[in-house]
Amino acid sequence: MSESRETKGDFEVEQIAKKYFSEIEHAVPHIQQSIFDLQNESYKTWKNAVDANILLQKEFLTKTGFNYVIPDSAKSILENMLREAVKFRELSNKITVSSIESIKNNFKSWNNNAESFVDLNRNIMNYWTSTLLPKTNQS
């Protein structure tokens, strides 16, 4: 294979890689925004469903004339459940953020050491090519 063909092939691969990552860089912000919007709509839907049901219960009690008072023991149980649910949500959020930060730091570490990995792979490649390829006499 000629020198110009090899150079052109390398250039083509480089262009394909650039196009690939350019597409990712363009798409990621849109995907992130879509995920954020979906999460926001999900939260609003859940909140609206709860609020609507509370209003419906109030309306029912008003129309029927029931003056149902939640016993203190039931109130205590509900408050404890809410408090524990909030604790669980806070802990779950901390674990999620911590995991994301850890993954991000791993990527940063790999990026910081990428050249070292390339050098190591180059040394391995040179070892294997020197072992497997025939030596030419250079005078």
C-alpha atoms as a PDB file:
ATOM      1  CA  MET A   1       0.000   0.000   0.000  1.00  0.00           C
ATOM      2  CA  SER A   2       1.375   3.388  -0.903  1.00  0.00           C
ATOM      3  CA  GLU A   3       2.264   6.092   1.628  1.00  0.00           C
ATOM      4  CA  SER A   4      -0.387   8.488   0.274  1.00  0.00           C
ATOM      5  CA  ARG A   5      -3.132   5.831   0.570  1.00  0.00           C
ATOM      6  CA  GLU A   6      -2.256   5.147   4.226  1.00  0.00           C
ATOM      7  CA  THR A   7      -2.224   8.859   5.045  1.00  0.00           C
ATOM      8  CA  LYS A   8      -5.545   9.356   3.277  1.00  0.00           C
ATOM      9  CA  GLY A   9      -7.040   6.379   5.153  1.00  0.00           C
ATOM     10  CA  ASP A  10      -5.913   7.773   8.482  1.00  0.00           C
ATOM     11  CA  PHE A  11      -7.353  11.148   7.563  1.00  0.00           C
ATOM     12  CA  GLU A  12     -10.705   9.558   6.615  1.00  0.00           C
ATOM     13  CA  VAL A  13     -10.900   7.765   9.959  1.00  0.00           C
ATOM     14  CA  GLU A  14     -10.070  10.992  11.758  1.00  0.00           C
ATOM     15  CA  GLN A  15     -12.823  12.845   9.863  1.00  0.00           C
ATOM     16  CA  ILE A  16     -15.346  10.108  10.665  1.00  0.00           C
ATOM     17  CA  ALA A  17     -14.418  10.300  14.364  1.00  0.00           C
ATOM     18  CA  LYS A  18     -14.718  14.098  14.356  1.00  0.00           C
ATOM     19  CA  LYS A  19     -18.152  13.901  12.731  1.00  0.00           C
ATOM     20  CA  TYR A  20     -19.254  11.254  15.247  1.00  0.00           C
ATOM     21  CA  PHE A  21     -18.252  13.322  18.273  1.00  0.00           C
ATOM     22  CA  SER A  22     -19.580  16.523  16.730  1.00  0.00           C
ATOM     23  CA  GLU A  23     -22.986  14.863  16.445  1.00  0.00           C
ATOM     24  CA  ILE A  24     -22.819  13.761  20.091  1.00  0.00           C
ATOM     25  CA  GLU A  25     -21.833  17.264  21.234  1.00  0.00           C
ATOM     26  CA  HIS A  26     -24.786  18.654  19.303  1.00  0.00           C
ATOM     27  CA  ALA A  27     -27.316  16.044  20.507  1.00  0.00           C
ATOM     28  CA  VAL A  28     -26.446  15.801  24.212  1.00  0.00           C
ATOM     29  CA  PRO A  29     -27.771  19.227  25.277  1.00  0.00           C
ATOM     30  CA  HIS A  30     -31.083  18.494  23.532  1.00  0.00           C
ATOM     31  CA  ILE A  31     -31.349  15.091  25.199  1.00  0.00           C
ATOM     32  CA  GLN A  32     -30.494  16.600  28.593  1.00  0.00           C
ATOM     33  CA  GLN A  33     -33.171  19.267  28.151  1.00  0.00           C
ATOM     34  CA  SER A  34     -35.733  16.634  27.119  1.00  0.00           C
ATOM     35  CA  ILE A  35     -34.920  14.526  30.191  1.00  0.00           C
ATOM     36  CA  PHE A  36     -35.182  17.597  32.435  1.00  0.00           C
ATOM     37  CA  ASP A  37     -38.541  18.518  30.876  1.00  0.00           C
ATOM     38  CA  LEU A  38     -39.819  14.945  31.299  1.00  0.00           C
ATOM     39  CA  GLN A  39     -38.733  14.886  34.945  1.00  0.00           C
ATOM     40  CA  ASN A  40     -40.381  18.260  35.553  1.00  0.00           C
ATOM     41  CA  GLU A  41     -43.652  17.168  33.922  1.00  0.00           C
ATOM     42  CA  SER A  42     -43.616  13.945  35.936  1.00  0.00           C
ATOM     43  CA  TYR A  43     -43.176  15.881  39.184  1.00  0.00           C
ATOM     44  CA  LYS A  44     -45.929  18.364  38.265  1.00  0.00           C
ATOM     45  CA  THR A  45     -48.302  15.532  37.290  1.00  0.00           C
ATOM     46  CA  TRP A  46     -47.726  13.687  40.565  1.00  0.00           C
ATOM     47  CA  LYS A  47     -48.133  16.907  42.608  1.00  0.00           C
ATOM     48  CA  ASN A  48     -51.301  17.876  40.721  1.00  0.00           C
ATOM     49  CA  ALA A  49     -52.776  14.396  41.230  1.00  0.00           C
ATOM     50  CA  VAL A  50     -52.164  14.566  44.986  1.00  0.00           C
ATOM     51  CA  ASP A  51     -53.458  18.148  45.258  1.00  0.00           C
ATOM     52  CA  ALA A  52     -56.581  17.305  43.205  1.00  0.00           C
ATOM     53  CA  ASN A  53     -57.373  14.292  45.385  1.00  0.00           C
ATOM     54  CA  ILE A  54     -56.974  16.334  48.574  1.00  0.00           C
ATOM     55  CA  LEU A  55     -59.349  18.979  47.177  1.00  0.00           C
ATOM     56  CA  LEU A  56     -61.829  16.267  46.164  1.00  0.00           C
ATOM     57  CA  GLN A  57     -61.744  14.808  49.681  1.00  0.00           C
ATOM     58  CA  LYS A  58     -62.312  18.258  51.202  1.00  0.00           C
ATOM     59  CA  GLU A  59     -65.220  18.865  48.819  1.00  0.00           C
ATOM     60  CA  PHE A  60     -66.748  15.504  49.680  1.00  0.00           C
ATOM     61  CA  LEU A  61     -66.500  16.194  53.413  1.00  0.00           C
ATOM     62  CA  THR A  62     -68.028  19.656  52.968  1.00  0.00           C
ATOM     63  CA  LYS A  63     -70.925  18.438  50.780  1.00  0.00           C
ATOM     64  CA  THR A  64     -71.762  15.476  52.984  1.00  0.00           C
ATOM     65  CA  GLY A  65     -71.437  17.385  56.214  1.00  0.00           C
ATOM     66  CA  PHE A  66     -68.988  14.897  57.647  1.00  0.00           C
ATOM     67  CA  ASN A  67     -66.605  16.515  60.024  1.00  0.00           C
ATOM     68  CA  TYR A  68     -64.095  13.721  60.145  1.00  0.00           C
ATOM     69  CA  VAL A  69     -61.201  14.484  62.435  1.00  0.00           C
ATOM     70  CA  ILE A  70     -58.133  12.322  62.084  1.00  0.00           C
ATOM     71  CA  PRO A  71     -57.246  10.799  65.452  1.00  0.00           C
ATOM     72  CA  ASP A  72     -53.960  11.966  66.964  1.00  0.00           C
ATOM     73  CA  SER A  73     -52.495   8.453  66.744  1.00  0.00           C
ATOM     74  CA  ALA A  74     -53.247   8.307  63.001  1.00  0.00           C
ATOM     75  CA  LYS A  75     -51.834  11.819  62.548  1.00  0.00           C
ATOM     76  CA  SER A  76     -48.672  10.752  64.327  1.00  0.00           C
ATOM     77  CA  ILE A  77     -48.321   7.718  62.069  1.00  0.00           C
ATOM     78  CA  LEU A  78     -48.845   9.840  58.940  1.00  0.00           C
ATOM     79  CA  GLU A  79     -46.330  12.455  60.111  1.00  0.00           C
ATOM     80  CA  ASN A  80     -43.762   9.741  60.874  1.00  0.00           C
ATOM     81  CA  MET A  81     -44.331   8.164  57.450  1.00  0.00           C
ATOM     82  CA  LEU A  82     -43.873  11.547  55.772  1.00  0.00           C
ATOM     83  CA  ARG A  83     -40.736  12.292  57.785  1.00  0.00           C
ATOM     84  CA  GLU A  84     -39.234   8.897  56.881  1.00  0.00           C
ATOM     85  CA  ALA A  85     -40.208   9.318  53.221  1.00  0.00           C
ATOM     86  CA  VAL A  86     -38.429  12.683  53.162  1.00  0.00           C
ATOM     87  CA  LYS A  87     -35.344  11.150  54.813  1.00  0.00           C
ATOM     88  CA  PHE A  88     -35.368   8.348  52.244  1.00  0.00           C
ATOM     89  CA  ARG A  89     -35.677  10.847  49.376  1.00  0.00           C
ATOM     90  CA  GLU A  90     -32.810  12.966  50.756  1.00  0.00           C
ATOM     91  CA  LEU A  91     -30.573   9.910  51.210  1.00  0.00           C
ATOM     92  CA  SER A  92     -31.462   8.601  47.768  1.00  0.00           C
ATOM     93  CA  ASN A  93     -30.607  11.990  46.230  1.00  0.00           C
ATOM     94  CA  LYS A  94     -27.263  12.104  48.080  1.00  0.00           C
ATOM     95  CA  ILE A  95     -26.375   8.589  46.880  1.00  0.00           C
ATOM     96  CA  THR A  96     -27.348   9.462  43.304  1.00  0.00           C
ATOM     97  CA  VAL A  97     -25.316  12.691  43.296  1.00  0.00           C
ATOM     98  CA  SER A  98     -22.360  10.939  44.930  1.00  0.00           C
ATOM     99  CA  SER A  99     -22.460   8.152  42.327  1.00  0.00           C
ATOM    100  CA  ILE A 100     -22.621  10.656  39.479  1.00  0.00           C
ATOM    101  CA  GLU A 101     -19.691  12.627  40.937  1.00  0.00           C
ATOM    102  CA  SER A 102     -17.668   9.433  41.326  1.00  0.00           C
ATOM    103  CA  ILE A 103     -18.307   8.425  37.717  1.00  0.00           C
ATOM    104  CA  LYS A 104     -17.450  11.954  36.551  1.00  0.00           C
ATOM    105  CA  ASN A 105     -14.171  11.842  38.508  1.00  0.00           C
ATOM    106  CA  ASN A 106     -13.344   8.469  36.945  1.00  0.00           C
ATOM    107  CA  PHE A 107     -13.834   9.956  33.485  1.00  0.00           C
ATOM    108  CA  LYS A 108     -11.693  12.970  34.417  1.00  0.00           C
ATOM    109  CA  SER A 109      -8.966  10.654  35.700  1.00  0.00           C
ATOM    110  CA  TRP A 110      -9.058   8.617  32.497  1.00  0.00           C
ATOM    111  CA  ASN A 111      -8.935  11.788  30.406  1.00  0.00           C
ATOM    112  CA  ASN A 112      -5.994  13.094  32.421  1.00  0.00           C
ATOM    113  CA  ASN A 113      -4.155   9.824  31.861  1.00  0.00           C
ATOM    114  CA  ALA A 114      -5.216   9.139  28.265  1.00  0.00           C
ATOM    115  CA  GLU A 115      -1.789  10.025  26.873  1.00  0.00           C
ATOM    116  CA  SER A 116      -0.163   7.610  29.323  1.00  0.00           C
ATOM    117  CA  PHE A 117      -2.509   4.860  28.125  1.00  0.00           C
ATOM    118  CA  VAL A 118      -1.633   5.669  24.521  1.00  0.00           C
ATOM    119  CA  ASP A 119       2.103   5.532  25.360  1.00  0.00           C
ATOM    120  CA  LEU A 120       1.658   2.206  27.123  1.00  0.00           C
ATOM    121  CA  ASN A 121      -0.291   0.782  24.176  1.00  0.00           C
ATOM    122  CA  ARG A 122       2.342   2.184  21.783  1.00  0.00           C
ATOM    123  CA  ASN A 123       5.069   0.366  23.718  1.00  0.00           C
ATOM    124  CA  ILE A 124       3.078  -2.862  23.597  1.00  0.00           C
ATOM    125  CA  MET A 125       2.451  -2.374  19.872  1.00  0.00           C
ATOM    126  CA  ASN A 126       6.160  -1.709  19.253  1.00  0.00           C
ATOM    127  CA  TYR A 127       7.115  -4.819  21.199  1.00  0.00           C
ATOM    128  CA  TRP A 128       4.729  -7.031  19.246  1.00  0.00           C
ATOM    129  CA  THR A 129       5.577  -5.530  15.853  1.00  0.00           C
ATOM    130  CA  SER A 130       9.305  -5.889  16.533  1.00  0.00           C
ATOM    131  CA  THR A 131       8.729  -9.531  17.461  1.00  0.00           C
ATOM    132  CA  LEU A 132       6.335 -10.451  14.661  1.00  0.00           C
ATOM    133  CA  LEU A 133       7.527  -8.398  11.694  1.00  0.00           C
ATOM    134  CA  PRO A 134      10.654  -9.388   9.804  1.00  0.00           C
ATOM    135  CA  LYS A 135      13.638  -7.155  10.287  1.00  0.00           C
ATOM    136  CA  THR A 136      15.028  -5.433   7.213  1.00  0.00           C
ATOM    137  CA  ASN A 137      18.758  -4.912   6.685  1.00  0.00           C
ATOM    138  CA  GLN A 138      19.514  -1.265   6.850  1.00  0.00           C
ATOM    139  CA  SER A 139      23.064  -0.420   5.865  1.00  0.00           C
END
